[in-house]
Each structure stands twice: as structure tokens, then as C-alpha cells.
């Protein structure tokens, strides 16, 4: 007689946990309930439906295993061979799972199907899928915790601590664009332009156009320019005081202020140019301000303040 989903399986069935609390196991018709449905009452369970003849399945499974291990016990992976468990596959097909389209990953939580992922996917998409599942169940990836801590350290003026945290995260997720961008920004904050250049050169090719990377690249370029301008800050202040209507001098002063770390004053200086002559030098002050904001990052308090002031100025 076929085993029906929902019945208690007999003792000694195949697919039992490989050690206490194993996060990656195989399951069959008999062990599906305890390994998947029962286990999902405690944490999300991903079920990898595969078959020996399925090439894309062989590509996806190791990616899933790495992502689950990186989740640090927050999610479980159960692998089911649909060819060896045709009756189970048929039963699951009756409740709407597209078992015929493998590779297929189904996320179970509290005994219910929460979401599915079809086809072979790159590692970044698999991690995103797991992050979405964890978020829906009120949990987070360890990488999300690390990223939050690294960003906080960077915002709090602790770039060395931030760089260490970003490095740890990149060991877990070498294709995380926010981590690469954060690492470059931390090195810039440490005035390690050589290290920042080296890190930028190590960014995976498919990430180079990601906003987190382009923003960090802008921050590095602006830092190099501003280091030279900062040395002339005192002289520029005096020149601007003597020639208050010289917008070119004021524009140079903004760059020097940014190089000296005076972000708010740098933004206000450019805003004063826009206020006096919005179209000066083909809108150069606005263009430069936007470049500053990209380099500082969207979450920087100076960016948030400058954006509000620019919006009020342009739309008043």
C-alpha cells in the first residue's frame, strides 16, 4: 500500500536525519512528513526535487547546499529524487507543485508551501530566494546581520572595524555587491587608496555596473581629487571671502571642503551656487553635488540633508 502524506511513517525509514539537527538530508516517500512537514513547523525547509538524469539539477544542488550552509542553521535543505519516489511526486503534483518541471525547489513553512523556485539559478538568485523566505518567516541571513553591522560601523566612523566585517562577509558571499562597495568605501575612509584600487580591481566582472560598486568607484575617484584640493582649503576660503561673486572659486571651495571631510558645508556651498545661478557653467554645481551624493552613499546623513535642500530649491 502506498504511503500517504500526513500519516506517521514507520520506524527505521530511509532518509532519517544524518546526525542530530542535520541541515542537509535526503528524504523519500516515508520520511517526507518528518523531514519536511514536521520540521517546517520549527524553521523553513527547502525541498530540492531532482532526478539523476537532470543536468540542471546537478548544477543547482551544490549551489543550494552552499547557500543553506551559509544560512547558519536558519533553513534546512531536503533532497528528493522524484524518479525514485514517483508516488510521492504524483501526490505533490496533485496539490499544485509543478514536479514535472525540475529542477524545482519548494519552500515549506508551518506545514505549508510558502514559495517555489524553478529551473537552474545562479548563486546570487538562490541566496536571494532564501533571504526572501527567511524575511517572510521573521528571520534573517547571517550575511544580512554582518552587512548591517558593517554598514553601522562605517557610518559610526569605525572604518577599520567595517573593513574587517566586510571582509568576513565576502568570504561567505564573494559576489555580494554591497559588501564589495562597502569594503571600498571603508578603505577610502582609511585613506588607503591603494587598497581601495586593489579591491575595486577584484570586483567580479558581472558586478561592476551595480549601483553599490559605481557609488564606491565615485567615492574613490572623488577622494583622490579632493585630497589635492583639501590642501588649498584655507587659501580658497580667503579668496572666496575676497570675491564672493566668483562662482568658479566657490565651486573649487566645495571640492576642497569635501576633501577635508566637511560634507555638509561642501553641499551647502554648491547649493549656494545653484541658488544664485542655476545654469552656471551648464549646471556644473548641480552635477557636482549629485556626484558628491553618489560618492557619500544614499544613507549618509549629509546625503539625506543635501537631497532635501536640493529638492526644496529646485521645486520651490
Protein backbone atom coordinates (compact mmCIF):
# COMPACT_ATOMS: atom_id res chain seq x y z
CA UNK A 1 0.00 0.00 0.00
CA UNK A 2 1.31 3.48 -0.91
CA UNK A 3 2.35 5.70 1.97
CA UNK A 4 0.06 8.74 2.17
CA UNK A 5 1.39 12.19 3.06
CA UNK A 6 0.20 13.05 6.52
CA UNK A 7 0.46 9.55 8.04
CA UNK A 8 3.08 8.83 10.66
CA UNK A 9 5.91 6.89 8.99
CA UNK A 10 7.06 3.56 10.40
CA UNK A 11 10.28 3.45 12.39
CA UNK A 12 13.62 2.94 10.64
CA UNK A 13 12.64 4.56 7.35
CA UNK A 14 15.14 5.83 4.79
CA UNK A 15 16.10 9.45 4.76
CA UNK A 16 16.46 9.80 8.52
CA UNK A 17 18.47 12.81 9.72
CA UNK A 18 22.20 12.46 9.19
CA UNK A 19 23.08 13.37 12.75
CA UNK A 20 21.18 15.43 15.26
CA UNK A 21 19.75 18.56 13.64
CA UNK A 22 21.29 17.92 10.18
CA UNK A 23 20.54 20.81 7.84
CA UNK A 24 21.00 18.89 4.57
CA UNK A 25 19.32 15.47 4.25
CA UNK A 26 17.74 13.13 1.70
CA UNK A 27 14.11 12.13 2.01
CA UNK A 28 11.77 9.61 0.39
CA UNK A 29 8.10 8.70 0.42
CA UNK A 30 8.23 7.52 4.04
CA UNK A 31 10.38 10.24 5.57
CA UNK A 32 8.87 13.25 3.78
CA UNK A 33 6.49 14.10 6.62
CA UNK A 34 9.01 14.21 9.49
CA UNK A 35 11.83 15.70 7.41
CA UNK A 36 9.74 18.34 5.66
CA UNK A 37 6.27 18.98 7.05
CA UNK A 38 7.08 18.39 10.72
CA UNK A 39 10.47 20.10 10.53
CA UNK A 40 8.91 23.13 8.81
CA UNK A 41 6.99 23.92 11.99
CA UNK A 42 10.31 24.94 13.53
CA UNK A 43 12.13 26.54 10.59
CA UNK A 44 11.78 26.95 6.79
CA UNK A 45 12.53 23.79 4.82
CA UNK A 46 13.65 23.88 1.19
CA UNK A 47 12.87 20.75 -0.81
CA UNK A 48 15.11 20.16 -3.83
CA UNK A 49 13.23 17.95 -6.30
CA UNK A 50 15.72 16.37 -8.67
CA UNK A 51 16.42 13.29 -10.79
CA UNK A 52 19.66 11.50 -11.76
CA UNK A 53 19.17 12.27 -15.45
CA UNK A 54 18.59 16.02 -14.87
CA UNK A 55 21.70 18.02 -15.81
CA UNK A 56 20.44 21.38 -14.47
CA UNK A 57 19.63 19.65 -11.18
CA UNK A 58 23.28 18.66 -10.80
CA UNK A 59 24.24 22.32 -11.27
CA UNK A 60 21.66 23.66 -8.81
CA UNK A 61 22.05 21.22 -5.90
CA UNK A 62 25.61 22.19 -4.84
CA UNK A 63 24.64 25.86 -5.05
CA UNK A 64 21.67 25.16 -2.78
CA UNK A 65 23.89 23.28 -0.34
CA UNK A 66 26.38 26.16 -0.11
CA UNK A 67 23.60 28.70 0.40
CA UNK A 68 21.95 26.61 3.11
CA UNK A 69 25.25 26.15 4.93
CA UNK A 70 25.81 29.91 4.74
CA UNK A 71 22.40 30.41 6.39
CA UNK A 72 23.88 29.02 9.60
CA UNK A 73 21.05 26.74 10.69
CA UNK A 74 18.24 29.13 9.83
CA UNK A 75 16.95 26.95 7.00
CA UNK A 76 17.01 23.21 6.18
CA UNK A 77 17.51 21.52 2.80
CA UNK A 78 15.80 18.22 1.95
CA UNK A 79 16.63 16.49 -1.35
CA UNK A 80 14.02 14.28 -3.02
CA UNK A 81 14.75 12.10 -6.05
CA UNK A 82 11.45 12.26 -7.98
CA UNK A 83 12.35 9.27 -10.13
CA UNK A 84 12.89 7.02 -7.11
CA UNK A 85 9.80 8.47 -5.39
CA UNK A 86 7.28 8.62 -8.21
CA UNK A 87 4.27 8.09 -5.92
CA UNK A 88 5.29 10.99 -3.69
CA UNK A 89 5.88 13.17 -6.75
CA UNK A 90 2.41 12.31 -8.03
CA UNK A 91 0.83 13.21 -4.69
CA UNK A 92 2.62 16.54 -4.57
CA UNK A 93 1.63 17.20 -8.17
CA UNK A 94 -2.00 16.84 -7.12
CA UNK A 95 -1.65 19.81 -4.74
CA UNK A 96 -0.26 22.01 -7.49
CA UNK A 97 3.51 21.58 -7.32
CA UNK A 98 4.92 21.50 -10.89
CA UNK A 99 7.02 18.42 -10.19
CA UNK A 100 7.33 17.70 -13.90
CA UNK A 101 9.49 20.84 -14.27
CA UNK A 102 12.69 20.02 -12.43
CA UNK A 103 14.87 21.33 -11.02
CA UNK A 104 12.26 22.62 -8.62
CA UNK A 105 12.76 23.99 -5.12
CA UNK A 106 9.74 24.33 -2.84
CA UNK A 107 9.93 26.23 0.45
CA UNK A 108 7.75 24.81 3.24
CA UNK A 109 6.92 26.62 6.46
CA UNK A 110 4.42 25.62 9.16
CA UNK A 111 3.43 22.66 7.02
CA UNK A 112 2.51 24.84 4.03
CA UNK A 113 4.20 25.71 0.74
CA UNK A 114 5.50 29.26 1.06
CA UNK A 115 7.15 29.76 -2.34
CA UNK A 116 8.79 27.88 -5.20
CA UNK A 117 11.83 28.41 -7.42
CA UNK A 118 12.04 26.73 -10.83
CA UNK A 119 14.98 26.00 -13.07
CA UNK A 120 18.72 26.19 -12.54
CA UNK A 121 19.58 29.54 -10.96
CA UNK A 122 22.85 31.39 -10.28
CA UNK A 123 24.09 31.53 -6.70
CA UNK A 124 23.01 35.14 -6.28
CA UNK A 125 19.39 34.24 -7.12
CA UNK A 126 19.42 31.23 -4.81
CA UNK A 127 20.65 33.38 -1.94
CA UNK A 128 18.03 36.00 -2.74
CA UNK A 129 15.32 33.32 -2.70
CA UNK A 130 16.47 32.10 0.71
CA UNK A 131 16.66 35.65 2.04
CA UNK A 132 13.07 36.23 0.90
CA UNK A 133 11.93 33.05 2.64
CA UNK A 134 13.70 33.99 5.85
CA UNK A 135 12.30 37.51 5.75
CA UNK A 136 8.78 36.13 5.28
CA UNK A 137 9.26 33.92 8.34
CA UNK A 138 10.72 36.68 10.51
CA UNK A 139 14.37 35.63 10.29
CA UNK A 140 17.47 36.99 8.54
CA UNK A 141 20.55 35.54 6.89
CA UNK A 142 23.80 35.71 8.89
CA UNK A 143 25.12 37.70 5.95
CA UNK A 144 22.37 40.27 6.43
CA UNK A 145 23.39 40.64 10.08
CA UNK A 146 27.04 41.06 9.08
CA UNK A 147 26.18 43.60 6.39
CA UNK A 148 24.09 45.65 8.81
CA UNK A 149 26.89 45.62 11.40
CA UNK A 150 29.49 46.60 8.79
CA UNK A 151 27.39 49.48 7.48
CA UNK A 152 26.75 50.70 11.02
CA UNK A 153 30.48 50.64 11.80
CA UNK A 154 31.20 52.60 8.64
CA UNK A 155 28.53 55.20 9.44
CA UNK A 156 29.80 55.47 13.02
CA UNK A 157 33.29 56.39 11.88
CA UNK A 158 34.89 52.99 12.51
CA UNK A 159 36.23 52.13 9.03
CA UNK A 160 38.78 49.55 10.28
CA UNK A 161 36.02 47.59 12.02
CA UNK A 162 33.80 47.98 8.95
CA UNK A 163 36.55 46.70 6.64
CA UNK A 164 37.03 43.62 8.83
CA UNK A 165 33.29 42.88 8.79
CA UNK A 166 33.01 43.40 5.03
CA UNK A 167 35.98 41.03 4.54
CA UNK A 168 34.25 38.36 6.64
CA UNK A 169 31.08 38.77 4.61
CA UNK A 170 32.95 38.47 1.31
CA UNK A 171 34.32 35.13 2.48
CA UNK A 172 30.72 33.93 2.78
CA UNK A 173 29.34 35.73 -0.28
CA UNK A 174 32.10 36.62 -2.75
CA UNK A 175 29.52 38.00 -5.18
CA UNK A 176 27.78 40.37 -2.77
CA UNK A 177 27.92 43.84 -4.41
CA UNK A 178 27.02 45.72 -1.21
CA UNK A 179 29.96 44.09 0.54
CA UNK A 180 32.40 45.00 -2.21
CA UNK A 181 31.08 48.56 -2.28
CA UNK A 182 31.29 48.80 1.49
CA UNK A 183 34.83 47.43 1.56
CA UNK A 184 35.99 50.01 -0.98
CA UNK A 185 34.29 52.82 0.97
CA UNK A 186 35.89 51.61 4.22
CA UNK A 187 39.34 51.63 2.61
CA UNK A 188 38.68 55.13 1.26
CA UNK A 189 37.73 56.24 4.78
CA UNK A 190 41.04 54.79 5.99
CA UNK A 191 42.80 56.83 3.28
CA UNK A 192 44.07 53.56 1.81
CA UNK A 193 43.62 54.47 -1.85
CA UNK A 194 45.99 51.72 -2.98
CA UNK A 195 43.95 49.11 -1.11
CA UNK A 196 40.70 50.57 -2.46
CA UNK A 197 42.06 50.42 -6.02
CA UNK A 198 43.07 46.79 -5.46
CA UNK A 199 39.64 45.90 -4.06
CA UNK A 200 37.92 47.61 -6.98
CA UNK A 201 40.02 45.55 -9.36
CA UNK A 202 38.91 42.33 -7.64
CA UNK A 203 35.18 43.00 -8.02
CA UNK A 204 33.60 40.22 -10.16
CA UNK A 205 33.01 41.42 -13.72
CA UNK A 206 29.25 40.91 -13.55
CA UNK A 207 29.01 43.29 -10.57
CA UNK A 208 30.97 46.25 -11.92
CA UNK A 209 27.86 48.17 -13.01
CA UNK A 210 25.90 47.53 -9.80
CA UNK A 211 24.93 50.81 -8.07
CA UNK A 212 26.84 49.79 -4.93
CA UNK A 213 30.02 49.43 -6.98
CA UNK A 214 29.56 52.53 -9.11
CA UNK A 215 28.91 54.56 -5.97
CA UNK A 216 32.07 53.23 -4.32
CA UNK A 217 34.02 53.90 -7.51
CA UNK A 218 32.79 57.50 -7.42
CA UNK A 219 33.76 57.78 -3.77
CA UNK A 220 37.29 56.60 -4.56
CA UNK A 221 37.68 58.96 -7.53
CA UNK A 222 36.33 61.89 -5.54
CA UNK A 223 38.63 61.07 -2.62
CA UNK A 224 41.69 61.16 -4.89
CA UNK A 225 40.64 64.51 -6.35
CA UNK A 226 39.71 66.01 -3.01
CA UNK A 227 42.97 65.08 -1.26
CA UNK A 228 44.77 67.55 -3.50
CA UNK A 229 42.09 70.22 -3.17
CA UNK A 230 41.95 69.94 0.63
CA UNK A 231 45.49 71.25 0.97
CA UNK A 232 44.35 74.54 -0.61
CA UNK A 233 41.28 74.92 1.65
CA UNK A 234 42.46 77.87 3.74
CA UNK A 235 43.61 79.81 0.70
CA UNK A 236 40.32 79.16 -1.12
CA UNK A 237 38.31 80.35 1.86
CA UNK A 238 40.23 83.63 1.85
CA UNK A 239 39.86 84.05 -1.93
CA UNK A 240 36.12 83.39 -1.80
CA UNK A 241 35.70 85.89 1.03
CA UNK A 242 37.50 88.49 -1.09
CA UNK A 243 35.49 87.67 -4.25
CA UNK A 244 32.04 86.45 -3.10
CA UNK A 245 30.58 86.64 -6.61
CA UNK A 246 33.25 84.42 -8.20
CA UNK A 247 31.29 81.19 -8.64
CA UNK A 248 34.28 79.33 -10.07
CA UNK A 249 36.19 79.96 -6.84
CA UNK A 250 33.20 78.85 -4.80
CA UNK A 251 32.96 75.69 -6.90
CA UNK A 252 36.61 74.90 -6.14
CA UNK A 253 35.98 75.60 -2.46
CA UNK A 254 33.23 72.93 -2.43
CA UNK A 255 35.71 70.33 -3.65
CA UNK A 256 38.26 71.35 -1.03
CA UNK A 257 35.63 71.21 1.72
CA UNK A 258 34.61 67.72 0.66
CA UNK A 259 38.25 66.64 0.63
CA UNK A 260 38.60 67.90 4.19
CA UNK A 261 35.57 65.87 5.24
CA UNK A 262 33.23 68.87 5.59
CA UNK A 263 30.40 67.24 3.65
CA UNK A 264 27.54 69.47 4.80
CA UNK A 265 29.48 72.67 4.13
CA UNK A 266 30.58 71.33 0.73
CA UNK A 267 26.96 70.60 -0.22
CA UNK A 268 25.79 73.99 1.07
CA UNK A 269 28.47 75.73 -0.98
CA UNK A 270 27.27 74.06 -4.19
CA UNK A 271 23.66 74.75 -3.24
CA UNK A 272 24.52 78.43 -2.87
CA UNK A 273 25.80 78.43 -6.46
CA UNK A 274 22.60 76.78 -7.68
CA UNK A 275 20.54 79.29 -5.70
CA UNK A 276 22.43 82.22 -7.25
CA UNK A 277 22.65 80.89 -10.83
CA UNK A 278 21.08 77.52 -11.51
CA UNK A 279 22.50 77.34 -15.05
CA UNK A 280 26.03 78.49 -14.22
CA UNK A 281 28.60 76.61 -16.29
CA UNK A 282 25.88 74.41 -17.80
CA UNK A 283 24.58 73.32 -14.41
CA UNK A 284 28.01 72.25 -13.13
CA UNK A 285 27.14 72.85 -9.47
CA UNK A 286 24.15 70.52 -9.58
CA UNK A 287 26.14 67.87 -11.46
CA UNK A 288 28.94 68.07 -8.90
CA UNK A 289 26.51 67.90 -6.00
CA UNK A 290 24.92 64.75 -7.42
CA UNK A 291 28.40 63.27 -7.81
CA UNK A 292 29.09 64.04 -4.15
CA UNK A 293 25.83 62.39 -3.09
CA UNK A 294 26.57 59.23 -5.08
CA UNK A 295 30.03 59.05 -3.53
CA UNK A 296 28.74 59.61 0.02
CA UNK A 297 26.03 56.96 -0.34
CA UNK A 298 22.26 57.14 -0.05
CA UNK A 299 22.17 56.51 3.70
CA UNK A 300 24.74 59.15 4.68
CA UNK A 301 23.11 61.91 6.79
CA UNK A 302 24.85 64.53 4.65
CA UNK A 303 23.29 63.00 1.53
CA UNK A 304 19.81 62.95 3.03
CA UNK A 305 20.09 66.58 4.14
CA UNK A 306 21.50 67.79 0.82
CA UNK A 307 18.81 65.97 -1.17
CA UNK A 308 16.09 67.67 0.86
CA UNK A 309 17.69 71.09 0.36
CA UNK A 310 18.18 70.49 -3.38
CA UNK A 311 14.56 69.38 -3.81
CA UNK A 312 13.30 72.41 -1.93
CA UNK A 313 15.47 74.67 -4.07
CA UNK A 314 14.51 73.15 -7.42
CA UNK A 315 10.79 72.77 -6.77
CA UNK A 316 10.10 75.89 -4.73
